[in-house]
Protein backbone atom coordinates (compact mmCIF):
# COMPACT_ATOMS: atom_id res chain seq x y z
CA UNK A 1 -127.70 -256.96 58.01
CA UNK A 2 -127.68 -260.35 59.78
CA UNK A 3 -124.50 -261.95 61.31
CA UNK A 4 -124.24 -265.45 60.39
CA UNK A 5 -120.81 -266.38 62.18
CA UNK A 6 -118.00 -264.83 64.19
CA UNK A 7 -114.73 -266.05 65.41
CA UNK A 8 -111.84 -264.62 67.52
CA UNK A 9 -108.36 -265.19 66.07
CA UNK A 10 -105.31 -263.61 67.67
CA UNK A 11 -107.18 -260.58 69.05
CA UNK A 12 -108.95 -259.85 66.07
CA UNK A 13 -112.68 -260.41 65.56
CA UNK A 14 -113.85 -261.56 62.15
CA UNK A 15 -117.41 -261.31 61.32
CA UNK A 16 -119.13 -262.82 58.21
CA UNK A 17 -122.21 -261.11 57.34
CA UNK A 18 -124.96 -261.60 54.69
CA UNK A 19 -126.68 -258.48 53.30
CA UNK A 20 -130.29 -258.42 52.22
CA UNK A 21 -132.27 -255.49 50.85
CA UNK A 22 -130.66 -252.15 49.27
CA UNK A 23 -127.17 -251.15 50.26
CA UNK A 24 -126.29 -247.52 49.64
CA UNK A 25 -122.60 -246.54 49.32
CA UNK A 26 -121.54 -242.82 49.40
CA UNK A 27 -118.33 -241.82 47.61
CA UNK A 28 -116.81 -239.76 50.21
CA UNK A 29 -114.33 -237.13 49.62
CA UNK A 30 -111.62 -237.67 47.03
CA UNK A 31 -107.93 -237.44 48.13
CA UNK A 32 -107.00 -235.02 45.26
CA UNK A 33 -108.29 -234.31 41.87
CA UNK A 34 -105.95 -236.67 40.15
CA UNK A 35 -107.25 -239.43 42.51
CA UNK A 36 -110.99 -238.60 42.10
CA UNK A 37 -113.36 -241.39 41.27
CA UNK A 38 -113.43 -242.12 37.41
CA UNK A 39 -116.60 -242.06 35.48
CA UNK A 40 -117.12 -243.60 32.19
CA UNK A 41 -119.74 -243.03 29.62
CA UNK A 42 -120.65 -245.83 27.20
CA UNK A 43 -123.18 -246.01 24.49
CA UNK A 44 -123.73 -249.64 25.66
CA UNK A 45 -120.91 -251.11 23.85
CA UNK A 46 -118.14 -248.66 23.57
CA UNK A 47 -116.54 -246.15 25.94
CA UNK A 48 -117.17 -242.65 24.67
CA UNK A 49 -114.89 -239.82 24.56
CA UNK A 50 -112.06 -241.31 22.55
CA UNK A 51 -110.92 -240.65 19.19
CA UNK A 52 -112.53 -243.63 17.69
CA UNK A 53 -115.86 -242.87 19.63
CA UNK A 54 -116.21 -239.22 20.31
CA UNK A 55 -118.88 -237.80 22.72
CA UNK A 56 -121.47 -235.90 20.66
CA UNK A 57 -123.23 -232.75 22.32
CA UNK A 58 -126.19 -231.36 20.82
CA UNK A 59 -127.60 -227.79 21.72
CA UNK A 60 -130.71 -228.19 19.37
CA UNK A 61 -133.20 -228.78 22.27
CA UNK A 62 -131.67 -226.40 24.72
CA UNK A 63 -134.07 -223.23 25.30
CA UNK A 64 -131.26 -220.74 25.87
CA UNK A 65 -129.81 -221.46 22.38
CA UNK A 66 -132.99 -221.69 20.34
CA UNK A 67 -131.77 -218.88 18.12
CA UNK A 68 -128.08 -218.98 18.04
CA UNK A 69 -125.28 -220.53 20.08
CA UNK A 70 -123.89 -218.48 22.82
CA UNK A 71 -120.47 -218.87 24.22
CA UNK A 72 -120.66 -216.24 27.13
CA UNK A 73 -124.21 -216.49 27.95
CA UNK A 74 -125.16 -213.18 26.70
CA UNK A 75 -128.37 -212.67 24.47
CA UNK A 76 -126.67 -211.31 21.47
CA UNK A 77 -124.86 -213.03 18.62
CA UNK A 78 -121.40 -213.52 19.34
CA UNK A 79 -118.73 -211.56 17.32
CA UNK A 80 -115.89 -213.14 15.48
CA UNK A 81 -112.16 -211.62 15.71
CA UNK A 82 -109.51 -212.75 13.60
CA UNK A 83 -109.03 -214.04 10.10
CA UNK A 84 -111.85 -216.07 8.63
CA UNK A 85 -111.26 -218.13 5.69
CA UNK A 86 -113.97 -218.99 3.05
CA UNK A 87 -113.24 -221.71 0.78
CA UNK A 88 -115.06 -221.67 -2.66
CA UNK A 89 -117.48 -224.48 -3.28
CA UNK A 90 -117.55 -224.47 -7.13
CA UNK A 91 -116.04 -222.49 -9.84
CA UNK A 92 -116.51 -219.90 -10.96
CA UNK A 93 -118.15 -217.84 -8.38
CA UNK A 94 -121.34 -216.35 -9.48
CA UNK A 95 -122.48 -212.73 -8.19
CA UNK A 96 -125.94 -211.73 -9.52
CA UNK A 97 -125.85 -207.83 -8.72
CA UNK A 98 -129.47 -206.53 -9.20
CA UNK A 99 -129.22 -203.50 -6.99
CA UNK A 100 -126.71 -200.81 -5.91
CA UNK A 101 -127.80 -198.55 -2.94
CA UNK A 102 -131.48 -199.71 -3.15
CA UNK A 103 -131.61 -198.97 -7.00
CA UNK A 104 -132.05 -201.41 -9.75
CA UNK A 105 -129.05 -201.80 -11.87
CA UNK A 106 -129.50 -200.97 -15.59
CA UNK A 107 -127.62 -202.90 -18.30
CA UNK A 108 -126.32 -201.95 -21.69
CA UNK A 109 -126.54 -205.43 -23.19
CA UNK A 110 -126.80 -209.04 -21.56
CA UNK A 111 -124.18 -209.42 -19.11
CA UNK A 112 -122.80 -205.81 -19.32
CA UNK A 113 -123.66 -203.36 -16.66
CA UNK A 114 -124.30 -199.82 -18.10
CA UNK A 115 -122.25 -196.96 -16.37
CA UNK A 116 -123.63 -193.44 -16.22
CA UNK A 117 -121.10 -190.59 -16.04
CA UNK A 118 -122.38 -187.32 -14.56
CA UNK A 119 -120.88 -183.75 -15.35
CA UNK A 120 -119.92 -181.23 -12.83
CA UNK A 121 -123.17 -179.51 -12.89
CA UNK A 122 -125.05 -182.99 -12.16
CA UNK A 123 -126.31 -183.50 -15.75
CA UNK A 124 -125.36 -186.42 -18.04
CA UNK A 125 -123.15 -185.37 -20.83
CA UNK A 126 -123.34 -188.46 -23.12
CA UNK A 127 -125.66 -187.89 -26.01
CA UNK A 128 -126.40 -189.57 -29.47
CA UNK A 129 -124.93 -188.61 -32.53
CA UNK A 130 -126.97 -186.03 -34.91
CA UNK A 131 -129.13 -185.02 -31.94
CA UNK A 132 -129.48 -182.19 -29.54
CA UNK A 133 -126.34 -181.58 -27.47
CA UNK A 134 -126.35 -182.64 -23.92
CA UNK A 135 -126.60 -180.04 -21.03
CA UNK A 136 -122.90 -180.73 -20.03
CA UNK A 137 -119.95 -181.86 -22.34
CA UNK A 138 -116.48 -182.81 -21.60
CA UNK A 139 -114.21 -179.88 -22.11
CA UNK A 140 -111.29 -180.71 -24.49
CA UNK A 141 -108.85 -177.74 -24.53
CA UNK A 142 -105.37 -176.80 -25.78
CA UNK A 143 -102.62 -174.35 -25.25
CA UNK A 144 -103.37 -170.77 -26.57
CA UNK A 145 -100.02 -169.65 -28.23
CA UNK A 146 -98.57 -166.49 -29.79
CA UNK A 147 -94.99 -168.17 -30.07
CA UNK A 148 -93.66 -171.61 -30.72
CA UNK A 149 -93.61 -173.59 -27.61
CA UNK A 150 -90.68 -175.66 -26.65
CA UNK A 151 -90.13 -179.11 -28.39
CA UNK A 152 -91.58 -182.05 -26.85
CA UNK A 153 -89.81 -185.35 -26.92
CA UNK A 154 -91.05 -187.69 -29.69
CA UNK A 155 -93.90 -190.03 -28.66
CA UNK A 156 -94.41 -188.11 -25.42
CA UNK A 157 -97.88 -186.73 -24.59
CA UNK A 158 -98.29 -183.14 -26.01
CA UNK A 159 -101.38 -180.62 -25.86
CA UNK A 160 -103.05 -179.11 -28.81
CA UNK A 161 -101.59 -175.84 -30.13
CA UNK A 162 -104.33 -173.22 -30.49
CA UNK A 163 -104.14 -169.51 -31.29
CA UNK A 164 -105.32 -166.91 -28.82
CA UNK A 165 -108.83 -167.18 -30.01
CA UNK A 166 -109.01 -171.01 -29.28
CA UNK A 167 -108.48 -171.89 -33.01
CA UNK A 168 -106.54 -175.16 -33.73
CA UNK A 169 -103.17 -174.54 -35.55
CA UNK A 170 -102.88 -176.90 -38.54
CA UNK A 171 -99.82 -177.50 -40.78
CA UNK A 172 -100.68 -177.64 -44.51
CA UNK A 173 -98.93 -180.95 -45.08
CA UNK A 174 -96.91 -182.29 -42.21
CA UNK A 175 -94.70 -181.15 -39.19
CA UNK A 176 -91.43 -179.43 -40.47
CA UNK A 177 -89.61 -182.65 -39.46
CA UNK A 178 -91.08 -184.64 -42.06
CA UNK A 179 -90.67 -182.04 -45.05
CA UNK A 180 -87.52 -182.03 -47.04
CA UNK A 181 -86.19 -180.67 -50.35
CA UNK A 182 -83.50 -181.59 -53.00
CA UNK A 183 -82.03 -179.44 -55.64
CA UNK A 184 -80.66 -181.09 -58.87
CA UNK A 185 -78.84 -179.78 -61.86
CA UNK A 186 -79.63 -181.58 -65.17
CA UNK A 187 -77.45 -181.23 -68.57
CA UNK A 188 -78.43 -184.56 -70.16
CA UNK A 189 -81.14 -186.32 -71.55
CA UNK A 190 -81.10 -189.44 -69.17
CA UNK A 191 -82.88 -190.07 -65.79
CA UNK A 192 -81.53 -187.99 -63.08
CA UNK A 193 -82.55 -188.62 -59.27
CA UNK A 194 -84.42 -185.47 -57.90
CA UNK A 195 -85.63 -187.24 -54.70
CA UNK A 196 -83.53 -190.08 -53.16
CA UNK A 197 -85.34 -193.01 -52.13
CA UNK A 198 -85.87 -193.65 -48.10
CA UNK A 199 -86.54 -197.25 -46.63
CA UNK A 200 -90.13 -197.74 -45.56
CA UNK A 201 -91.04 -194.32 -46.36
CA UNK A 202 -93.23 -192.73 -49.15
CA UNK A 203 -91.81 -189.56 -50.60
CA UNK A 204 -94.68 -187.58 -51.84
CA UNK A 205 -93.85 -184.62 -53.90
CA UNK A 206 -95.48 -181.37 -52.56
CA UNK A 207 -93.96 -178.85 -55.11
CA UNK A 208 -91.71 -178.73 -58.04
CA UNK A 209 -89.57 -175.71 -59.35
CA UNK A 210 -88.00 -176.28 -62.87
CA UNK A 211 -85.72 -173.75 -64.56
CA UNK A 212 -84.32 -173.87 -68.12
CA UNK A 213 -81.20 -171.68 -68.52
CA UNK A 214 -80.83 -172.81 -72.05
CA UNK A 215 -82.19 -171.53 -75.47
CA UNK A 216 -83.71 -174.94 -76.06
CA UNK A 217 -87.26 -175.74 -75.06
CA UNK A 218 -87.48 -179.11 -73.39
CA UNK A 219 -90.28 -181.48 -71.77
CA UNK A 220 -89.19 -182.90 -68.45
CA UNK A 221 -90.66 -186.16 -67.45
CA UNK A 222 -90.80 -186.71 -63.56
CA UNK A 223 -91.33 -190.23 -62.63
CA UNK A 224 -91.12 -192.51 -59.36
CA UNK A 225 -90.53 -195.72 -61.78
CA UNK A 226 -94.23 -196.50 -61.97
CA UNK A 227 -96.16 -193.25 -62.51
CA UNK A 228 -94.78 -190.42 -64.95
CA UNK A 229 -95.72 -186.78 -65.28
CA UNK A 230 -94.77 -184.28 -68.15
CA UNK A 231 -93.84 -180.67 -67.80
CA UNK A 232 -93.23 -178.50 -70.95
CA UNK A 233 -90.45 -175.69 -70.14
CA UNK A 234 -89.71 -173.01 -72.39
CA UNK A 235 -86.31 -171.85 -73.55
CA UNK A 236 -84.68 -169.70 -70.90
CA UNK A 237 -87.99 -170.30 -68.93
CA UNK A 238 -89.20 -172.25 -66.14
CA UNK A 239 -92.17 -173.02 -64.03
CA UNK A 240 -93.32 -173.43 -60.23
CA UNK A 241 -95.71 -176.30 -59.64
CA UNK A 242 -97.35 -175.94 -56.26
CA UNK A 243 -99.43 -179.02 -55.63
CA UNK A 244 -102.72 -178.73 -53.51
CA UNK A 245 -102.07 -182.21 -52.77
CA UNK A 246 -98.95 -184.32 -52.57
CA UNK A 247 -98.03 -186.12 -55.80
CA UNK A 248 -97.95 -189.56 -54.11
CA UNK A 249 -95.24 -191.99 -54.69
CA UNK A 250 -96.50 -195.31 -55.90
CA UNK A 251 -94.48 -197.51 -53.45
CA UNK A 252 -91.98 -196.81 -50.28
CA UNK A 253 -88.23 -196.83 -50.91
CA UNK A 254 -88.41 -195.36 -54.39
CA UNK A 255 -86.50 -192.59 -56.00
CA UNK A 256 -88.10 -189.97 -58.05
CA UNK A 257 -86.26 -189.00 -61.34
CA UNK A 258 -86.32 -186.21 -64.04
CA UNK A 259 -85.51 -186.78 -67.59
CA UNK A 260 -85.00 -183.85 -70.24
CA UNK A 261 -85.99 -184.61 -73.66
CA UNK A 262 -82.79 -182.98 -74.93
CA UNK A 263 -79.49 -182.38 -73.51
CA UNK A 264 -79.26 -178.71 -72.47
CA UNK A 265 -76.65 -176.34 -70.79
CA UNK A 266 -78.25 -176.54 -67.26
CA UNK A 267 -81.89 -177.51 -66.28
CA UNK A 268 -82.35 -176.76 -62.46
CA UNK A 269 -85.06 -178.85 -60.45
CA UNK A 270 -86.00 -178.30 -56.84
CA UNK A 271 -88.39 -180.97 -55.47
CA UNK A 272 -89.95 -180.49 -52.21
CA UNK A 273 -91.52 -183.57 -50.57
CA UNK A 274 -93.08 -184.97 -47.56
CA UNK A 275 -92.15 -188.03 -45.84
CA UNK A 276 -95.33 -190.42 -45.41
CA UNK A 277 -96.26 -193.83 -44.06
C-alpha cells in the first residue's frame, strides 16, 4: 500500500491511500447469530431460497445415498411410522392374484377363483354326480325322537325329525296344522257346501265319507265349480273314499259342493282336505 497524501487536522491524522494488488479481508467473529454475516445464493439472476425460487437439493450423486436415502446416517432402510395414505391412481384397482403361499391359483371359470374345501380327515368331500362317493362327506343329521318334540315357532330354524334308527319322519300329506275336515248334512237335491273357500289357498280333498240313511239310492256329485266327480250311494249305505293323492282344487279360494240326485231324509258327508299353495 502506498500513501499518496497525509494531513493533520484538529489532532487527527487523515491518510488517503491507494491500494494495488490483492487485498484479503477476514470476516472476524460475529456479534450474535442474529447479527452474523448474511449469505445469498443466486442462480445468476434470482435469489434462491424463496417461495418463488426454491433451493433444490439432489442426492443422486452422493455416494453414501447410492441405494437409499438415509435420514440418520445408518446403512439400513429407514422405517416409516404413523399413517401412510395411498391415493388410487386410476379406477378400478386391478389385483392379479396368481399365487397363494407360493402355489398357483386355480380358476373354475374365467375370472372366478376355484375354492377347495377339505374335510376333517383331510380329504376333499365334493364329487361329481353319478360317480363314486368322495372319501369324506358333509354330515347332515337330525334329531332322533321317540316322542313329539316341543313345537317351534313358525318360520324359525328347526332340525329334521328322525326315528331312533335315523329314518326320516315324513307325514303322508302335510303337517296337521294344514289338515282340516268339514261335516255336512244334506236333505235336498241342490248344491251344498262341503268345504268352504279359503282366500289364496287350494283346498285339496284327501278323503270323503258319504253315508245315506234313507231308503233311496242316490248319486252324489262332488264339484269345485270346474271339475265334478260322481259317487253312487246305495240306500241305507255309504262309502269311504280314501284318496292316495289329493283331489286337487282347480283354483284357490273356491268351495267344494255336493249335490244329491234326489231329496232324501239325510245324506251325511265328511270331507277331509289339506290346505295347499
